[in-house]
Amino acid sequence: MRVYEELDLPKIPGYLTIKEAAQILGISGNRVYTYIEEGRLPAVRSGHAIMIAKQDVYNFKPGNLGRPRQRNPAWRKALDTNKFIVKRITVRLYPGQEERLQEKLDEIWQNKEHIFPGSTFRYVARSQTRPGRIEIELLWRVCHLPDDAELTKQLEAFRQQLADVLDWQTAQYETSETLLHT
């Protein structure tokens, strides 16, 4: 059954292959099959292929991955040589562009684009308290923060890729320095 997944099948609007769903969810194709077999992820058969509605993939919640922490890490005091710099951007999502934003973010993820070299973490999140707002957070250790010209260039490329779904005229930028961290 799984050998058919590798065939070059035509695209069905609104549906994804097992491989595409696995890429979006960040899991293996075998895990997608398991979720389907368990009835946790709805799917349909189209000829020899199993297809999953795109919306079902985006709405899927796999549950806890890994085992829960037994102990939370203690706070650490940020030393001058080990401080983190946080760049936070809040921007308005153009109305009706939620699905297109997700497609663009999937593309960025799949192509490993906009990794902001030297960054410790990168988040793109949908605000739960301010509907229609997207929050972007980037964090670097102070010693790995790129110079202003390089960071400006990286951010501009990121803005350009998302220009048709995010209203950059509304963007608010904030830079913070850590005092305590885990």
C-alpha atoms as a PDB file:
ATOM      1  CA  MET A   1       0.000   0.000   0.000  1.00  0.00           C
ATOM      2  CA  ARG A   2       2.730   2.514   0.896  1.00  0.00           C
ATOM      3  CA  VAL A   3       4.660   2.061  -2.349  1.00  0.00           C
ATOM      4  CA  TYR A   4       1.980   4.041  -4.216  1.00  0.00           C
ATOM      5  CA  GLU A   5       2.825   7.152  -2.220  1.00  0.00           C
ATOM      6  CA  GLU A   6       5.981   7.546  -4.287  1.00  0.00           C
ATOM      7  CA  LEU A   7       4.148   7.612  -7.623  1.00  0.00           C
ATOM      8  CA  ASP A   8       3.838  10.936  -9.421  1.00  0.00           C
ATOM      9  CA  LEU A   9       0.125  11.478  -8.816  1.00  0.00           C
ATOM     10  CA  PRO A  10      -1.866  14.508  -9.972  1.00  0.00           C
ATOM     11  CA  LYS A  11      -2.698  17.152  -7.364  1.00  0.00           C
ATOM     12  CA  ILE A  12      -6.236  17.146  -5.992  1.00  0.00           C
ATOM     13  CA  PRO A  13      -7.203  20.667  -4.847  1.00  0.00           C
ATOM     14  CA  GLY A  14      -7.559  20.882  -1.079  1.00  0.00           C
ATOM     15  CA  TYR A  15      -5.908  17.507  -0.449  1.00  0.00           C
ATOM     16  CA  LEU A  16      -2.391  16.403   0.447  1.00  0.00           C
ATOM     17  CA  THR A  17      -0.467  13.189   0.018  1.00  0.00           C
ATOM     18  CA  ILE A  18       0.915  11.287   2.999  1.00  0.00           C
ATOM     19  CA  LYS A  19       4.374  12.675   2.203  1.00  0.00           C
ATOM     20  CA  GLU A  20       3.117  16.287   2.044  1.00  0.00           C
ATOM     21  CA  ALA A  21       1.160  15.872   5.292  1.00  0.00           C
ATOM     22  CA  ALA A  22       4.242  14.405   6.983  1.00  0.00           C
ATOM     23  CA  GLN A  23       6.354  17.373   5.870  1.00  0.00           C
ATOM     24  CA  ILE A  24       3.819  19.896   7.172  1.00  0.00           C
ATOM     25  CA  LEU A  25       3.434  18.084  10.500  1.00  0.00           C
ATOM     26  CA  GLY A  26       7.182  17.520  10.844  1.00  0.00           C
ATOM     27  CA  ILE A  27       6.784  13.753  11.315  1.00  0.00           C
ATOM     28  CA  SER A  28       7.474  10.632   9.293  1.00  0.00           C
ATOM     29  CA  GLY A  29       5.106   9.228   6.692  1.00  0.00           C
ATOM     30  CA  ASN A  30       4.788   6.074   8.820  1.00  0.00           C
ATOM     31  CA  ARG A  31       3.555   8.182  11.749  1.00  0.00           C
ATOM     32  CA  VAL A  32       0.918   9.765   9.448  1.00  0.00           C
ATOM     33  CA  TYR A  33      -0.243   6.258   8.474  1.00  0.00           C
ATOM     34  CA  THR A  34      -0.441   5.352  12.170  1.00  0.00           C
ATOM     35  CA  TYR A  35      -2.600   8.400  12.939  1.00  0.00           C
ATOM     36  CA  ILE A  36      -4.887   7.457  10.030  1.00  0.00           C
ATOM     37  CA  GLU A  37      -5.122   3.820  11.177  1.00  0.00           C
ATOM     38  CA  GLU A  38      -5.913   4.981  14.741  1.00  0.00           C
ATOM     39  CA  GLY A  39      -8.720   7.168  13.335  1.00  0.00           C
ATOM     40  CA  ARG A  40      -7.071  10.337  14.663  1.00  0.00           C
ATOM     41  CA  LEU A  41      -6.432  11.823  11.202  1.00  0.00           C
ATOM     42  CA  PRO A  42      -9.217  11.467   8.597  1.00  0.00           C
ATOM     43  CA  ALA A  43      -8.166  10.373   5.105  1.00  0.00           C
ATOM     44  CA  VAL A  44      -9.723   9.174   1.853  1.00  0.00           C
ATOM     45  CA  ARG A  45      -8.512   6.792  -0.794  1.00  0.00           C
ATOM     46  CA  SER A  46      -8.216   8.104  -4.334  1.00  0.00           C
ATOM     47  CA  GLY A  47      -7.307   5.205  -6.581  1.00  0.00           C
ATOM     48  CA  HIS A  48      -4.162   3.764  -5.055  1.00  0.00           C
ATOM     49  CA  ALA A  49      -3.305   6.888  -3.089  1.00  0.00           C
ATOM     50  CA  ILE A  50      -4.417   7.981   0.336  1.00  0.00           C
ATOM     51  CA  MET A  51      -5.260  11.683   0.491  1.00  0.00           C
ATOM     52  CA  ILE A  52      -5.807  13.926   3.498  1.00  0.00           C
ATOM     53  CA  ALA A  53      -7.788  17.156   3.460  1.00  0.00           C
ATOM     54  CA  LYS A  54      -5.377  20.072   3.826  1.00  0.00           C
ATOM     55  CA  GLN A  55      -7.539  21.648   6.543  1.00  0.00           C
ATOM     56  CA  ASP A  56      -7.483  18.391   8.548  1.00  0.00           C
ATOM     57  CA  VAL A  57      -3.683  18.465   8.481  1.00  0.00           C
ATOM     58  CA  TYR A  58      -3.549  22.096   9.652  1.00  0.00           C
ATOM     59  CA  ASN A  59      -6.100  21.388  12.416  1.00  0.00           C
ATOM     60  CA  PHE A  60      -4.416  18.152  13.553  1.00  0.00           C
ATOM     61  CA  LYS A  61      -3.096  18.059  17.109  1.00  0.00           C
ATOM     62  CA  PRO A  62      -0.774  15.072  17.578  1.00  0.00           C
ATOM     63  CA  GLY A  63      -0.788  15.330  21.388  1.00  0.00           C
ATOM     64  CA  ASN A  64       2.291  15.261  23.558  1.00  0.00           C
ATOM     65  CA  LEU A  65       5.473  14.370  21.748  1.00  0.00           C
ATOM     66  CA  GLY A  66       8.043  12.689  23.947  1.00  0.00           C
ATOM     67  CA  ARG A  67       7.755  12.272  27.666  1.00  0.00           C
ATOM     68  CA  PRO A  68       6.779  15.156  29.936  1.00  0.00           C
ATOM     69  CA  ARG A  69       9.546  16.904  31.849  1.00  0.00           C
ATOM     70  CA  GLN A  70      10.124  15.577  35.336  1.00  0.00           C
ATOM     71  CA  ARG A  71      11.858  18.777  36.402  1.00  0.00           C
ATOM     72  CA  ASN A  72      11.675  22.253  34.944  1.00  0.00           C
ATOM     73  CA  PRO A  73      15.066  23.909  34.462  1.00  0.00           C
ATOM     74  CA  ALA A  74      16.050  26.533  37.012  1.00  0.00           C
ATOM     75  CA  TRP A  75      16.312  30.213  36.140  1.00  0.00           C
ATOM     76  CA  ARG A  76      19.731  31.435  35.103  1.00  0.00           C
ATOM     77  CA  LYS A  77      21.037  34.933  35.481  1.00  0.00           C
ATOM     78  CA  ALA A  78      22.135  36.398  32.161  1.00  0.00           C
ATOM     79  CA  LEU A  79      25.824  37.324  32.291  1.00  0.00           C
ATOM     80  CA  ASP A  80      27.036  40.156  30.078  1.00  0.00           C
ATOM     81  CA  THR A  81      28.919  37.638  27.924  1.00  0.00           C
ATOM     82  CA  ASN A  82      25.930  35.294  27.669  1.00  0.00           C
ATOM     83  CA  LYS A  83      22.943  37.611  27.221  1.00  0.00           C
ATOM     84  CA  PHE A  84      20.285  36.984  24.628  1.00  0.00           C
ATOM     85  CA  ILE A  85      18.889  39.606  22.280  1.00  0.00           C
ATOM     86  CA  VAL A  86      15.235  39.158  21.308  1.00  0.00           C
ATOM     87  CA  LYS A  87      13.809  40.812  18.195  1.00  0.00           C
ATOM     88  CA  ARG A  88      10.005  40.858  18.305  1.00  0.00           C
ATOM     89  CA  ILE A  89       7.861  41.931  15.363  1.00  0.00           C
ATOM     90  CA  THR A  90       4.072  42.224  15.523  1.00  0.00           C
ATOM     91  CA  VAL A  91       2.328  42.645  12.168  1.00  0.00           C
ATOM     92  CA  ARG A  92      -1.257  42.583  10.864  1.00  0.00           C
ATOM     93  CA  LEU A  93      -2.363  39.697   8.666  1.00  0.00           C
ATOM     94  CA  TYR A  94      -4.307  40.809   5.607  1.00  0.00           C
ATOM     95  CA  PRO A  95      -7.966  39.699   5.937  1.00  0.00           C
ATOM     96  CA  GLY A  96      -8.718  36.315   4.399  1.00  0.00           C
ATOM     97  CA  GLN A  97      -5.044  35.371   4.052  1.00  0.00           C
ATOM     98  CA  GLU A  98      -4.775  32.779   6.866  1.00  0.00           C
ATOM     99  CA  GLU A  99      -4.509  29.785   4.526  1.00  0.00           C
ATOM    100  CA  ARG A 100      -2.080  31.548   2.178  1.00  0.00           C
ATOM    101  CA  LEU A 101       0.108  32.527   5.143  1.00  0.00           C
ATOM    102  CA  GLN A 102       0.242  28.890   6.244  1.00  0.00           C
ATOM    103  CA  GLU A 103       1.189  27.817   2.707  1.00  0.00           C
ATOM    104  CA  LYS A 104       4.001  30.385   2.625  1.00  0.00           C
ATOM    105  CA  LEU A 105       5.253  29.311   6.059  1.00  0.00           C
ATOM    106  CA  ASP A 106       5.201  25.672   4.918  1.00  0.00           C
ATOM    107  CA  GLU A 107       7.263  26.691   1.885  1.00  0.00           C
ATOM    108  CA  ILE A 108       9.767  28.533   4.088  1.00  0.00           C
ATOM    109  CA  TRP A 109      10.001  25.466   6.344  1.00  0.00           C
ATOM    110  CA  GLN A 110      10.343  22.965   3.492  1.00  0.00           C
ATOM    111  CA  ASN A 111      12.986  25.036   1.686  1.00  0.00           C
ATOM    112  CA  LYS A 112      14.837  25.846   4.928  1.00  0.00           C
ATOM    113  CA  GLU A 113      14.666  29.561   4.138  1.00  0.00           C
ATOM    114  CA  HIS A 114      15.060  32.558   6.450  1.00  0.00           C
ATOM    115  CA  ILE A 115      16.950  30.714   9.166  1.00  0.00           C
ATOM    116  CA  PHE A 116      18.578  33.942  10.398  1.00  0.00           C
ATOM    117  CA  PRO A 117      22.093  32.516  10.871  1.00  0.00           C
ATOM    118  CA  GLY A 118      23.324  32.404  14.447  1.00  0.00           C
ATOM    119  CA  SER A 119      19.801  32.605  15.897  1.00  0.00           C
ATOM    120  CA  THR A 120      18.961  30.349  18.837  1.00  0.00           C
ATOM    121  CA  PHE A 121      15.242  30.222  18.092  1.00  0.00           C
ATOM    122  CA  ARG A 122      12.714  31.624  15.654  1.00  0.00           C
ATOM    123  CA  TYR A 123       8.944  31.762  16.160  1.00  0.00           C
ATOM    124  CA  VAL A 124       6.080  32.830  13.935  1.00  0.00           C
ATOM    125  CA  ALA A 125       2.878  32.746  15.968  1.00  0.00           C
ATOM    126  CA  ARG A 126      -0.770  33.758  15.621  1.00  0.00           C
ATOM    127  CA  SER A 127      -1.793  36.052  18.468  1.00  0.00           C
ATOM    128  CA  GLN A 128      -4.572  34.624  20.610  1.00  0.00           C
ATOM    129  CA  THR A 129      -5.285  37.960  22.278  1.00  0.00           C
ATOM    130  CA  ARG A 130      -5.145  40.215  19.208  1.00  0.00           C
ATOM    131  CA  PRO A 131      -7.013  38.575  16.302  1.00  0.00           C
ATOM    132  CA  GLY A 132      -5.433  39.139  12.909  1.00  0.00           C
ATOM    133  CA  ARG A 133      -1.990  39.742  14.388  1.00  0.00           C
ATOM    134  CA  ILE A 134       1.105  37.664  13.711  1.00  0.00           C
ATOM    135  CA  GLU A 135       4.016  37.702  16.140  1.00  0.00           C
ATOM    136  CA  ILE A 136       7.552  36.941  14.993  1.00  0.00           C
ATOM    137  CA  GLU A 137      10.297  36.385  17.562  1.00  0.00           C
ATOM    138  CA  LEU A 138      13.968  35.870  16.841  1.00  0.00           C
ATOM    139  CA  LEU A 139      16.593  35.261  19.523  1.00  0.00           C
ATOM    140  CA  TRP A 140      20.393  35.365  19.379  1.00  0.00           C
ATOM    141  CA  ARG A 141      23.140  35.093  21.940  1.00  0.00           C
ATOM    142  CA  VAL A 142      24.711  38.539  21.989  1.00  0.00           C
ATOM    143  CA  CYS A 143      27.960  37.086  20.602  1.00  0.00           C
ATOM    144  CA  HIS A 144      26.144  35.611  17.551  1.00  0.00           C
ATOM    145  CA  LEU A 145      23.926  38.579  16.676  1.00  0.00           C
ATOM    146  CA  PRO A 146      24.632  39.685  13.088  1.00  0.00           C
ATOM    147  CA  ASP A 147      25.613  43.287  12.448  1.00  0.00           C
ATOM    148  CA  ASP A 148      22.821  45.757  11.674  1.00  0.00           C
ATOM    149  CA  ALA A 149      23.379  45.722   7.892  1.00  0.00           C
ATOM    150  CA  GLU A 150      23.226  41.906   7.693  1.00  0.00           C
ATOM    151  CA  LEU A 151      20.177  41.679   9.969  1.00  0.00           C
ATOM    152  CA  THR A 152      18.386  44.368   7.939  1.00  0.00           C
ATOM    153  CA  LYS A 153      19.116  42.397   4.748  1.00  0.00           C
ATOM    154  CA  GLN A 154      17.814  39.135   6.276  1.00  0.00           C
ATOM    155  CA  LEU A 155      14.646  40.770   7.612  1.00  0.00           C
ATOM    156  CA  GLU A 156      13.953  42.471   4.273  1.00  0.00           C
ATOM    157  CA  ALA A 157      14.136  39.152   2.414  1.00  0.00           C
ATOM    158  CA  PHE A 158      11.724  37.643   4.961  1.00  0.00           C
ATOM    159  CA  ARG A 159       9.338  40.612   4.610  1.00  0.00           C
ATOM    160  CA  GLN A 160       9.419  40.377   0.811  1.00  0.00           C
ATOM    161  CA  GLN A 161       8.437  36.695   0.842  1.00  0.00           C
ATOM    162  CA  LEU A 162       5.438  37.442   3.077  1.00  0.00           C
ATOM    163  CA  ALA A 163       4.516  40.856   1.617  1.00  0.00           C
ATOM    164  CA  ASP A 164       1.278  39.666   0.005  1.00  0.00           C
ATOM    165  CA  VAL A 165      -0.124  38.215   3.264  1.00  0.00           C
ATOM    166  CA  LEU A 166       1.290  40.495   5.985  1.00  0.00           C
ATOM    167  CA  ASP A 167       0.772  44.265   6.119  1.00  0.00           C
ATOM    168  CA  TRP A 168       4.308  45.389   6.927  1.00  0.00           C
ATOM    169  CA  GLN A 169       3.121  49.018   7.129  1.00  0.00           C
ATOM    170  CA  THR A 170       1.532  48.041  10.481  1.00  0.00           C
ATOM    171  CA  ALA A 171       4.628  46.254  11.814  1.00  0.00           C
ATOM    172  CA  GLN A 172       5.847  47.121  15.283  1.00  0.00           C
ATOM    173  CA  TYR A 173       9.458  46.243  16.111  1.00  0.00           C
ATOM    174  CA  GLU A 174      10.917  45.699  19.552  1.00  0.00           C
ATOM    175  CA  THR A 175      14.360  44.628  20.722  1.00  0.00           C
ATOM    176  CA  SER A 176      14.895  43.219  24.227  1.00  0.00           C
ATOM    177  CA  GLU A 177      17.829  41.955  26.266  1.00  0.00           C
ATOM    178  CA  THR A 178      17.450  39.036  28.695  1.00  0.00           C
ATOM    179  CA  LEU A 179      17.820  39.452  32.433  1.00  0.00           C
ATOM    180  CA  LEU A 180      16.863  35.902  33.479  1.00  0.00           C
ATOM    181  CA  HIS A 181      16.454  32.824  31.270  1.00  0.00           C
ATOM    182  CA  THR A 182      16.195  29.038  31.440  1.00  0.00           C
END
